[in-house]
């Protein structure tokens, strides 16, 4: 297992935890926070995979 694969797996685990938190979020502000963190992790995953177009997206 290389470092890139390890980083992607770790990021996928983080996303799964954020999804659990999102499901139990009470306030809209909490939901928005977890959604933004999930999106950030997805961008990181794409960067780890080498997707250059996604790496430079806002």
Protein backbone atom coordinates (compact mmCIF):
# COMPACT_ATOMS: atom_id res chain seq x y z
CA UNK A 1 0.00 0.00 0.00
CA UNK A 2 1.50 3.33 -0.98
CA UNK A 3 1.15 6.67 0.77
CA UNK A 4 -1.32 8.02 -1.80
CA UNK A 5 -3.68 5.09 -1.25
CA UNK A 6 -3.34 5.46 2.52
CA UNK A 7 -4.26 9.16 2.33
CA UNK A 8 -7.30 8.43 0.16
CA UNK A 9 -8.52 5.71 2.55
CA UNK A 10 -8.08 7.99 5.53
CA UNK A 11 -9.99 10.76 3.80
CA UNK A 12 -12.81 8.34 2.94
CA UNK A 13 -13.07 7.42 6.62
CA UNK A 14 -13.23 11.10 7.56
CA UNK A 15 -16.07 11.59 5.06
CA UNK A 16 -17.99 8.67 6.54
CA UNK A 17 -17.69 10.19 10.02
CA UNK A 18 -18.84 13.58 8.74
CA UNK A 19 -21.85 11.89 7.12
CA UNK A 20 -22.82 10.38 10.46
CA UNK A 21 -22.51 13.78 12.10
CA UNK A 22 -24.49 15.36 9.27
CA UNK A 23 -27.31 12.87 9.76
CA UNK A 24 -27.62 13.81 13.42
CA UNK A 25 -27.08 17.57 13.04
CA UNK A 26 -29.78 19.62 14.71
CA UNK A 27 -29.08 23.11 13.38
CA UNK A 28 -28.72 24.32 9.80
CA UNK A 29 -25.34 25.83 10.68
CA UNK A 30 -24.09 22.38 11.75
CA UNK A 31 -25.35 20.83 8.52
CA UNK A 32 -23.63 23.49 6.43
CA UNK A 33 -20.39 22.96 8.33
CA UNK A 34 -20.41 19.19 7.78
CA UNK A 35 -21.35 19.56 4.11
CA UNK A 36 -18.47 21.98 3.54
CA UNK A 37 -16.05 19.61 5.27
CA UNK A 38 -17.26 16.68 3.18
CA UNK A 39 -16.76 18.74 0.03
CA UNK A 40 -13.25 19.70 1.18
CA UNK A 41 -12.36 16.06 1.78
CA UNK A 42 -13.68 15.12 -1.68
CA UNK A 43 -11.45 17.80 -3.23
CA UNK A 44 -8.50 16.40 -1.30
CA UNK A 45 -9.30 12.89 -2.52
CA UNK A 46 -9.35 14.15 -6.09
CA UNK A 47 -6.02 15.89 -5.53
CA UNK A 48 -4.54 12.69 -4.07
CA UNK A 49 -5.74 10.84 -7.16
CA UNK A 50 -4.12 13.43 -9.39
CA UNK A 51 -7.25 15.03 -10.87
CA UNK A 52 -5.73 18.37 -11.82
CA UNK A 53 -8.99 20.04 -12.91
CA UNK A 54 -10.57 19.34 -9.52
CA UNK A 55 -7.42 20.38 -7.66
CA UNK A 56 -7.73 23.96 -8.87
CA UNK A 57 -11.51 24.29 -8.44
CA UNK A 58 -12.70 26.81 -5.86
